[in-house]
Amino acid sequence: MTAVQAQQVLRGKNEGEALWLMGGLYTFKALNAETGAYTLIELKAPQGFAIPVHYHEGEEEGFYVAQGEVTIYLGNDERTLAAGGFAMAPRGVPHAFRLETPDATLVLLVSPGPAHEAMFREMGEPATARSIPEAPAMPPDVPELAKIAARHGTQIVGPPPGG
């Protein structure tokens, strides 16, 4: 396996590929091909936004609360973290999160990141504005998301918390 040479990455507040996914705005701040080791994603979404409980077969995922409050579900633990809080889900450990405040911003660090990048692109759609999308008319199709996730090494094992 050939190592990827890290590149310089400088992205401003409104820069980076942006996707609308499950009602949230996901912005790639650094891609695995650029860092050689991880993908960094900024997530903004409405209060109450939550993702299904899942685990990754080949990736670790870190969660840094940049603004607001986010509840992290990690294994058998549940904790609400304020800005500056951090959690890390090792591969194989079920996890999820829910945004608790309207201003919540969560930063995801996925290592390695290519599978997450591909999964998010397949699940979402390019954002046409740098804003949280309007509420979807229908809730996400979790069985379809599970099929997509499985193709990228992620197993959905439960519904979103509080959903």
N, C-alpha and C. Protein backbone atom coordinates (compact mmCIF):
# COMPACT_ATOMS: atom_id res chain seq x y z
N MET A 1 0.84 -1.18 0.00
CA MET A 1 0.00 0.00 0.00
C MET A 1 0.88 1.24 0.00
N THR A 2 0.61 2.16 -0.90
CA THR A 2 1.39 3.37 -1.04
C THR A 2 0.83 4.46 -0.13
N ALA A 3 1.72 5.11 0.61
CA ALA A 3 1.29 6.19 1.49
C ALA A 3 0.94 7.42 0.66
N VAL A 4 -0.07 8.15 1.08
CA VAL A 4 -0.47 9.39 0.41
C VAL A 4 0.31 10.54 1.02
N GLN A 5 0.90 11.36 0.17
CA GLN A 5 1.63 12.53 0.64
C GLN A 5 0.65 13.61 1.05
N ALA A 6 0.75 14.08 2.29
CA ALA A 6 -0.13 15.14 2.77
C ALA A 6 0.13 16.43 2.01
N GLN A 7 -0.95 17.18 1.76
CA GLN A 7 -0.88 18.47 1.08
C GLN A 7 -1.25 19.57 2.06
N GLN A 8 -0.88 20.78 1.73
CA GLN A 8 -1.35 21.93 2.50
C GLN A 8 -2.84 22.11 2.23
N VAL A 9 -3.59 22.41 3.28
CA VAL A 9 -5.02 22.67 3.13
C VAL A 9 -5.34 23.94 3.90
N LEU A 10 -5.93 24.90 3.21
CA LEU A 10 -6.39 26.15 3.83
C LEU A 10 -7.80 26.39 3.31
N ARG A 11 -8.79 26.29 4.18
CA ARG A 11 -10.18 26.53 3.76
C ARG A 11 -10.83 27.49 4.75
N GLY A 12 -11.51 28.46 4.22
CA GLY A 12 -12.22 29.43 5.03
C GLY A 12 -13.58 28.91 5.47
N LYS A 13 -14.29 29.76 6.18
CA LYS A 13 -15.59 29.42 6.76
C LYS A 13 -16.56 28.85 5.75
N ASN A 14 -16.65 29.41 4.58
CA ASN A 14 -17.62 28.97 3.57
C ASN A 14 -16.96 28.24 2.41
N GLU A 15 -15.90 27.52 2.70
CA GLU A 15 -15.18 26.77 1.66
C GLU A 15 -15.19 25.28 1.98
N GLY A 16 -15.08 24.50 0.93
CA GLY A 16 -15.10 23.04 1.04
C GLY A 16 -16.36 22.49 0.39
N GLU A 17 -16.26 21.30 -0.15
CA GLU A 17 -17.41 20.65 -0.77
C GLU A 17 -18.52 20.51 0.25
N ALA A 18 -19.74 20.91 -0.13
CA ALA A 18 -20.87 20.88 0.81
C ALA A 18 -21.97 19.96 0.28
N LEU A 19 -22.54 19.17 1.18
CA LEU A 19 -23.62 18.24 0.86
C LEU A 19 -24.80 18.47 1.78
N TRP A 20 -25.99 18.26 1.25
CA TRP A 20 -27.19 18.17 2.08
C TRP A 20 -27.46 16.70 2.29
N LEU A 21 -27.56 16.30 3.54
CA LEU A 21 -27.72 14.89 3.87
C LEU A 21 -28.63 14.77 5.08
N MET A 22 -29.75 14.07 4.95
CA MET A 22 -30.69 13.79 6.04
C MET A 22 -31.17 15.06 6.74
N GLY A 23 -31.14 16.20 6.06
CA GLY A 23 -31.58 17.44 6.66
C GLY A 23 -30.47 18.27 7.27
N GLY A 24 -29.22 17.85 7.08
CA GLY A 24 -28.08 18.59 7.61
C GLY A 24 -27.18 19.08 6.50
N LEU A 25 -26.35 20.08 6.81
CA LEU A 25 -25.34 20.60 5.91
C LEU A 25 -23.99 20.03 6.34
N TYR A 26 -23.42 19.18 5.51
CA TYR A 26 -22.12 18.57 5.76
C TYR A 26 -21.11 19.24 4.84
N THR A 27 -20.04 19.80 5.40
CA THR A 27 -19.01 20.46 4.60
C THR A 27 -17.68 19.76 4.83
N PHE A 28 -17.09 19.25 3.75
CA PHE A 28 -15.77 18.64 3.84
C PHE A 28 -14.74 19.74 3.98
N LYS A 29 -14.09 19.81 5.13
CA LYS A 29 -13.06 20.81 5.36
C LYS A 29 -11.68 20.29 4.96
N ALA A 30 -11.49 18.96 5.02
CA ALA A 30 -10.26 18.33 4.55
C ALA A 30 -10.61 16.92 4.09
N LEU A 31 -10.10 16.54 2.93
CA LEU A 31 -10.35 15.22 2.38
C LEU A 31 -9.17 14.30 2.66
N ASN A 32 -9.43 13.01 2.73
CA ASN A 32 -8.38 12.03 2.99
C ASN A 32 -7.25 12.13 1.96
N ALA A 33 -7.59 12.38 0.70
CA ALA A 33 -6.58 12.49 -0.35
C ALA A 33 -5.65 13.68 -0.10
N GLU A 34 -6.12 14.68 0.65
CA GLU A 34 -5.30 15.85 0.97
C GLU A 34 -4.45 15.62 2.21
N THR A 35 -5.03 14.97 3.22
CA THR A 35 -4.32 14.80 4.49
C THR A 35 -3.47 13.53 4.53
N GLY A 36 -3.88 12.54 3.73
CA GLY A 36 -3.19 11.26 3.75
C GLY A 36 -3.57 10.39 4.93
N ALA A 37 -4.49 10.86 5.79
CA ALA A 37 -4.79 10.11 7.01
C ALA A 37 -6.23 10.19 7.48
N TYR A 38 -6.93 11.29 7.19
CA TYR A 38 -8.26 11.48 7.76
C TYR A 38 -9.09 12.41 6.89
N THR A 39 -10.39 12.44 7.20
CA THR A 39 -11.33 13.39 6.61
C THR A 39 -11.91 14.23 7.74
N LEU A 40 -12.04 15.53 7.52
CA LEU A 40 -12.60 16.44 8.51
C LEU A 40 -13.87 17.06 7.92
N ILE A 41 -14.97 16.96 8.67
CA ILE A 41 -16.28 17.39 8.17
C ILE A 41 -16.95 18.28 9.21
N GLU A 42 -17.50 19.39 8.77
CA GLU A 42 -18.29 20.26 9.64
C GLU A 42 -19.77 19.97 9.38
N LEU A 43 -20.54 19.80 10.45
CA LEU A 43 -21.97 19.52 10.34
C LEU A 43 -22.77 20.59 11.06
N LYS A 44 -23.73 21.15 10.34
CA LYS A 44 -24.72 22.05 10.91
C LYS A 44 -26.08 21.50 10.53
N ALA A 45 -27.00 21.49 11.47
CA ALA A 45 -28.33 20.94 11.22
C ALA A 45 -29.29 21.51 12.24
N PRO A 46 -30.59 21.31 12.03
CA PRO A 46 -31.58 21.84 12.98
C PRO A 46 -31.49 21.16 14.35
N GLN A 47 -31.95 21.86 15.35
CA GLN A 47 -32.06 21.28 16.69
C GLN A 47 -32.88 19.99 16.60
N GLY A 48 -32.41 18.93 17.26
CA GLY A 48 -33.10 17.65 17.23
C GLY A 48 -32.58 16.71 16.15
N PHE A 49 -31.75 17.20 15.23
CA PHE A 49 -31.17 16.36 14.18
C PHE A 49 -30.41 15.22 14.83
N ALA A 50 -30.67 14.00 14.39
CA ALA A 50 -29.98 12.82 14.95
C ALA A 50 -29.73 11.82 13.83
N ILE A 51 -28.69 11.04 13.98
CA ILE A 51 -28.36 10.01 13.00
C ILE A 51 -28.63 8.64 13.61
N PRO A 52 -28.88 7.63 12.77
CA PRO A 52 -29.12 6.28 13.30
C PRO A 52 -27.90 5.74 14.05
N VAL A 53 -28.15 4.87 15.01
CA VAL A 53 -27.07 4.19 15.72
C VAL A 53 -26.37 3.28 14.71
N HIS A 54 -25.04 3.36 14.67
CA HIS A 54 -24.27 2.60 13.70
C HIS A 54 -22.86 2.38 14.21
N TYR A 55 -22.11 1.55 13.49
CA TYR A 55 -20.69 1.40 13.78
C TYR A 55 -19.94 1.26 12.46
N HIS A 56 -18.64 1.52 12.53
CA HIS A 56 -17.79 1.44 11.34
C HIS A 56 -16.88 0.23 11.47
N GLU A 57 -16.74 -0.51 10.38
CA GLU A 57 -15.89 -1.69 10.38
C GLU A 57 -14.40 -1.33 10.29
N GLY A 58 -14.08 -0.21 9.66
CA GLY A 58 -12.67 0.09 9.45
C GLY A 58 -12.25 1.51 9.71
N GLU A 59 -13.04 2.26 10.48
CA GLU A 59 -12.72 3.67 10.72
C GLU A 59 -12.96 4.03 12.18
N GLU A 60 -12.16 4.95 12.66
CA GLU A 60 -12.41 5.61 13.93
C GLU A 60 -13.08 6.93 13.60
N GLU A 61 -13.94 7.42 14.54
CA GLU A 61 -14.61 8.69 14.30
C GLU A 61 -14.57 9.54 15.57
N GLY A 62 -14.04 10.74 15.42
CA GLY A 62 -14.01 11.70 16.51
C GLY A 62 -15.09 12.74 16.32
N PHE A 63 -15.59 13.28 17.44
CA PHE A 63 -16.66 14.27 17.43
C PHE A 63 -16.23 15.45 18.30
N TYR A 64 -16.07 16.62 17.70
CA TYR A 64 -15.70 17.82 18.44
C TYR A 64 -16.86 18.80 18.35
N VAL A 65 -17.38 19.22 19.50
CA VAL A 65 -18.50 20.16 19.53
C VAL A 65 -17.91 21.58 19.42
N ALA A 66 -18.08 22.19 18.26
CA ALA A 66 -17.53 23.52 18.02
C ALA A 66 -18.43 24.62 18.57
N GLN A 67 -19.74 24.34 18.62
CA GLN A 67 -20.70 25.34 19.09
C GLN A 67 -21.94 24.62 19.57
N GLY A 68 -22.62 25.19 20.57
CA GLY A 68 -23.87 24.62 21.06
C GLY A 68 -23.67 23.37 21.90
N GLU A 69 -24.69 22.51 21.90
CA GLU A 69 -24.65 21.26 22.68
C GLU A 69 -25.08 20.10 21.81
N VAL A 70 -24.40 18.97 21.99
CA VAL A 70 -24.66 17.75 21.23
C VAL A 70 -24.64 16.58 22.21
N THR A 71 -25.64 15.70 22.11
CA THR A 71 -25.61 14.47 22.90
C THR A 71 -24.96 13.39 22.06
N ILE A 72 -23.95 12.76 22.65
CA ILE A 72 -23.21 11.68 21.99
C ILE A 72 -23.63 10.37 22.65
N TYR A 73 -23.95 9.40 21.83
CA TYR A 73 -24.27 8.04 22.28
C TYR A 73 -23.10 7.18 21.82
N LEU A 74 -22.40 6.59 22.78
CA LEU A 74 -21.16 5.86 22.48
C LEU A 74 -21.16 4.57 23.28
N GLY A 75 -21.35 3.43 22.59
CA GLY A 75 -21.49 2.16 23.30
C GLY A 75 -22.70 2.24 24.21
N ASN A 76 -22.49 2.00 25.50
CA ASN A 76 -23.58 2.09 26.48
C ASN A 76 -23.64 3.45 27.17
N ASP A 77 -22.82 4.38 26.74
CA ASP A 77 -22.76 5.70 27.37
C ASP A 77 -23.54 6.73 26.57
N GLU A 78 -24.06 7.71 27.29
CA GLU A 78 -24.77 8.83 26.69
C GLU A 78 -24.35 10.07 27.45
N ARG A 79 -23.92 11.10 26.72
CA ARG A 79 -23.48 12.31 27.41
C ARG A 79 -23.72 13.52 26.52
N THR A 80 -24.25 14.58 27.12
CA THR A 80 -24.43 15.84 26.40
C THR A 80 -23.18 16.68 26.61
N LEU A 81 -22.57 17.07 25.49
CA LEU A 81 -21.33 17.84 25.52
C LEU A 81 -21.60 19.25 25.01
N ALA A 82 -21.01 20.22 25.67
CA ALA A 82 -21.09 21.61 25.24
C ALA A 82 -19.89 21.93 24.37
N ALA A 83 -19.88 23.14 23.81
CA ALA A 83 -18.77 23.58 22.97
C ALA A 83 -17.44 23.30 23.66
N GLY A 84 -16.52 22.72 22.91
CA GLY A 84 -15.21 22.32 23.45
C GLY A 84 -15.17 20.87 23.84
N GLY A 85 -16.33 20.18 23.89
CA GLY A 85 -16.36 18.77 24.25
C GLY A 85 -15.94 17.88 23.09
N PHE A 86 -15.47 16.69 23.42
CA PHE A 86 -14.96 15.75 22.41
C PHE A 86 -15.31 14.33 22.80
N ALA A 87 -15.57 13.50 21.79
CA ALA A 87 -15.77 12.07 21.99
C ALA A 87 -15.11 11.34 20.82
N MET A 88 -14.75 10.08 21.04
CA MET A 88 -14.13 9.29 19.98
C MET A 88 -14.73 7.90 19.98
N ALA A 89 -15.20 7.45 18.82
CA ALA A 89 -15.77 6.11 18.66
C ALA A 89 -14.77 5.23 17.92
N PRO A 90 -14.19 4.25 18.61
CA PRO A 90 -13.31 3.30 17.91
C PRO A 90 -14.12 2.46 16.93
N ARG A 91 -13.47 1.92 15.93
CA ARG A 91 -14.17 1.04 14.98
C ARG A 91 -14.84 -0.09 15.74
N GLY A 92 -16.03 -0.46 15.30
CA GLY A 92 -16.78 -1.55 15.92
C GLY A 92 -17.66 -1.14 17.08
N VAL A 93 -17.55 0.10 17.57
CA VAL A 93 -18.35 0.55 18.71
C VAL A 93 -19.58 1.32 18.19
N PRO A 94 -20.80 0.85 18.52
CA PRO A 94 -22.00 1.57 18.08
C PRO A 94 -22.04 2.98 18.66
N HIS A 95 -22.48 3.92 17.82
CA HIS A 95 -22.55 5.31 18.25
C HIS A 95 -23.57 6.08 17.42
N ALA A 96 -23.94 7.24 17.94
CA ALA A 96 -24.87 8.15 17.26
C ALA A 96 -24.73 9.50 17.96
N PHE A 97 -25.43 10.50 17.42
CA PHE A 97 -25.46 11.80 18.08
C PHE A 97 -26.77 12.50 17.76
N ARG A 98 -27.08 13.49 18.60
CA ARG A 98 -28.26 14.34 18.39
C ARG A 98 -27.86 15.77 18.73
N LEU A 99 -28.20 16.71 17.85
CA LEU A 99 -27.93 18.13 18.11
C LEU A 99 -29.01 18.67 19.04
N GLU A 100 -28.60 19.26 20.14
CA GLU A 100 -29.55 19.68 21.19
C GLU A 100 -29.91 21.15 21.14
N THR A 101 -29.12 21.95 20.45
CA THR A 101 -29.38 23.39 20.41
C THR A 101 -29.43 23.85 18.95
N PRO A 102 -30.17 24.93 18.68
CA PRO A 102 -30.30 25.37 17.29
C PRO A 102 -28.99 25.86 16.68
N ASP A 103 -28.03 26.22 17.52
CA ASP A 103 -26.75 26.72 17.01
C ASP A 103 -25.65 25.66 16.98
N ALA A 104 -26.00 24.41 17.24
CA ALA A 104 -24.98 23.36 17.35
C ALA A 104 -24.20 23.19 16.04
N THR A 105 -22.89 23.07 16.19
CA THR A 105 -21.99 22.74 15.09
C THR A 105 -21.09 21.62 15.58
N LEU A 106 -21.07 20.54 14.83
CA LEU A 106 -20.28 19.37 15.20
C LEU A 106 -19.23 19.13 14.13
N VAL A 107 -18.00 18.88 14.55
CA VAL A 107 -16.91 18.58 13.63
C VAL A 107 -16.59 17.09 13.76
N LEU A 108 -16.61 16.39 12.61
CA LEU A 108 -16.34 14.96 12.56
C LEU A 108 -14.94 14.75 12.00
N LEU A 109 -14.15 13.93 12.69
CA LEU A 109 -12.82 13.55 12.23
C LEU A 109 -12.85 12.04 12.01
N VAL A 110 -12.74 11.61 10.76
CA VAL A 110 -12.86 10.20 10.42
C VAL A 110 -11.53 9.71 9.88
N SER A 111 -11.01 8.62 10.47
CA SER A 111 -9.71 8.10 10.06
C SER A 111 -9.76 6.59 9.87
N PRO A 112 -9.35 6.10 8.69
CA PRO A 112 -9.15 6.89 7.48
C PRO A 112 -10.49 7.35 6.93
N GLY A 113 -10.50 8.25 5.97
CA GLY A 113 -11.75 8.88 5.58
C GLY A 113 -12.39 8.54 4.26
N PRO A 114 -11.73 7.84 3.32
CA PRO A 114 -12.34 7.68 2.00
C PRO A 114 -13.72 7.01 2.01
N ALA A 115 -13.94 6.02 2.84
CA ALA A 115 -15.25 5.34 2.85
C ALA A 115 -16.36 6.29 3.29
N HIS A 116 -16.09 7.14 4.28
CA HIS A 116 -17.08 8.12 4.73
C HIS A 116 -17.38 9.13 3.64
N GLU A 117 -16.35 9.60 2.97
CA GLU A 117 -16.55 10.57 1.89
C GLU A 117 -17.48 9.98 0.83
N ALA A 118 -17.19 8.76 0.40
CA ALA A 118 -18.01 8.11 -0.63
C ALA A 118 -19.43 7.85 -0.13
N MET A 119 -19.56 7.41 1.13
CA MET A 119 -20.88 7.13 1.69
C MET A 119 -21.73 8.40 1.75
N PHE A 120 -21.16 9.49 2.25
CA PHE A 120 -21.91 10.73 2.36
C PHE A 120 -22.32 11.25 0.98
N ARG A 121 -21.42 11.13 0.00
CA ARG A 121 -21.77 11.59 -1.35
C ARG A 121 -22.91 10.75 -1.93
N GLU A 122 -22.91 9.45 -1.67
CA GLU A 122 -23.97 8.60 -2.19
C GLU A 122 -25.29 8.85 -1.48
N MET A 123 -25.26 9.11 -0.18
CA MET A 123 -26.48 9.35 0.60
C MET A 123 -27.06 10.73 0.38
N GLY A 124 -26.19 11.70 0.15
CA GLY A 124 -26.63 13.09 0.09
C GLY A 124 -26.72 13.62 -1.32
N GLU A 125 -26.74 14.94 -1.39
CA GLU A 125 -26.76 15.64 -2.68
C GLU A 125 -25.96 16.91 -2.52
N PRO A 126 -25.36 17.40 -3.61
CA PRO A 126 -24.60 18.65 -3.49
C PRO A 126 -25.49 19.78 -2.97
N ALA A 127 -24.99 20.52 -2.00
CA ALA A 127 -25.74 21.65 -1.45
C ALA A 127 -25.72 22.79 -2.46
N THR A 128 -26.86 23.39 -2.69
CA THR A 128 -26.93 24.51 -3.62
C THR A 128 -26.77 25.85 -2.90
N ALA A 129 -26.68 25.80 -1.57
CA ALA A 129 -26.43 26.99 -0.75
C ALA A 129 -25.69 26.53 0.51
N ARG A 130 -24.97 27.44 1.12
CA ARG A 130 -24.24 27.13 2.36
C ARG A 130 -25.16 27.37 3.55
N SER A 131 -26.25 26.61 3.57
CA SER A 131 -27.23 26.75 4.64
C SER A 131 -27.85 25.38 4.92
N ILE A 132 -28.42 25.27 6.09
CA ILE A 132 -29.14 24.04 6.45
C ILE A 132 -30.31 23.92 5.48
N PRO A 133 -30.51 22.74 4.90
CA PRO A 133 -31.62 22.61 3.94
C PRO A 133 -32.97 22.71 4.63
N GLU A 134 -33.98 23.01 3.84
CA GLU A 134 -35.33 23.00 4.37
C GLU A 134 -35.66 21.58 4.84
N ALA A 135 -36.56 21.49 5.80
CA ALA A 135 -36.94 20.17 6.33
C ALA A 135 -37.45 19.29 5.20
N PRO A 136 -36.95 18.04 5.13
CA PRO A 136 -37.45 17.14 4.08
C PRO A 136 -38.93 16.84 4.27
N ALA A 137 -39.63 16.62 3.15
CA ALA A 137 -41.06 16.32 3.21
C ALA A 137 -41.32 14.99 3.90
N MET A 138 -40.38 14.07 3.77
CA MET A 138 -40.53 12.76 4.40
C MET A 138 -39.27 12.46 5.21
N PRO A 139 -39.39 11.65 6.27
CA PRO A 139 -38.20 11.28 7.03
C PRO A 139 -37.27 10.44 6.17
N PRO A 140 -35.98 10.38 6.54
CA PRO A 140 -35.04 9.58 5.77
C PRO A 140 -35.48 8.11 5.70
N ASP A 141 -35.20 7.48 4.59
CA ASP A 141 -35.48 6.06 4.38
C ASP A 141 -34.34 5.26 5.01
N VAL A 142 -34.49 4.91 6.29
CA VAL A 142 -33.41 4.25 7.03
C VAL A 142 -33.00 2.92 6.39
N PRO A 143 -33.93 2.06 5.92
CA PRO A 143 -33.48 0.83 5.26
C PRO A 143 -32.61 1.12 4.03
N GLU A 144 -32.94 2.14 3.26
CA GLU A 144 -32.12 2.48 2.09
C GLU A 144 -30.77 3.03 2.54
N LEU A 145 -30.77 3.88 3.59
CA LEU A 145 -29.50 4.38 4.12
C LEU A 145 -28.64 3.23 4.62
N ALA A 146 -29.26 2.22 5.23
CA ALA A 146 -28.51 1.06 5.73
C ALA A 146 -27.84 0.30 4.59
N LYS A 147 -28.51 0.18 3.47
CA LYS A 147 -27.91 -0.50 2.31
C LYS A 147 -26.70 0.27 1.79
N ILE A 148 -26.86 1.57 1.67
CA ILE A 148 -25.75 2.41 1.21
C ILE A 148 -24.60 2.33 2.21
N ALA A 149 -24.91 2.48 3.49
CA ALA A 149 -23.87 2.44 4.53
C ALA A 149 -23.10 1.13 4.48
N ALA A 150 -23.80 0.02 4.34
CA ALA A 150 -23.15 -1.30 4.32
C ALA A 150 -22.15 -1.41 3.17
N ARG A 151 -22.47 -0.79 2.04
CA ARG A 151 -21.54 -0.82 0.90
C ARG A 151 -20.24 -0.10 1.22
N HIS A 152 -20.27 0.76 2.26
CA HIS A 152 -19.09 1.56 2.62
C HIS A 152 -18.52 1.18 3.99
N GLY A 153 -18.86 -0.01 4.49
CA GLY A 153 -18.28 -0.50 5.73
C GLY A 153 -18.90 0.05 7.00
N THR A 154 -20.12 0.55 6.92
CA THR A 154 -20.82 1.06 8.09
C THR A 154 -22.10 0.24 8.26
N GLN A 155 -22.35 -0.20 9.49
CA GLN A 155 -23.54 -1.00 9.78
C GLN A 155 -24.50 -0.19 10.66
N ILE A 156 -25.71 0.06 10.17
CA ILE A 156 -26.74 0.75 10.96
C ILE A 156 -27.42 -0.32 11.81
N VAL A 157 -27.44 -0.09 13.12
CA VAL A 157 -27.96 -1.10 14.05
C VAL A 157 -29.14 -0.60 14.90
N GLY A 158 -29.59 0.63 14.67
CA GLY A 158 -30.71 1.14 15.43
C GLY A 158 -31.18 2.48 14.91
N PRO A 159 -32.37 2.91 15.33
CA PRO A 159 -32.91 4.19 14.89
C PRO A 159 -32.17 5.36 15.52
N PRO A 160 -32.38 6.56 15.00
CA PRO A 160 -31.78 7.73 15.63
C PRO A 160 -32.28 7.86 17.08
N PRO A 161 -31.40 8.29 17.99
CA PRO A 161 -31.84 8.49 19.38
C PRO A 161 -32.88 9.59 19.46
N GLY A 162 -33.89 9.35 20.27
CA GLY A 162 -34.94 10.33 20.47
C GLY A 162 -35.90 10.41 19.30
N GLY A 163 -35.73 9.50 18.32
CA GLY A 163 -36.56 9.57 17.12
C GLY A 163 -37.66 8.56 17.14
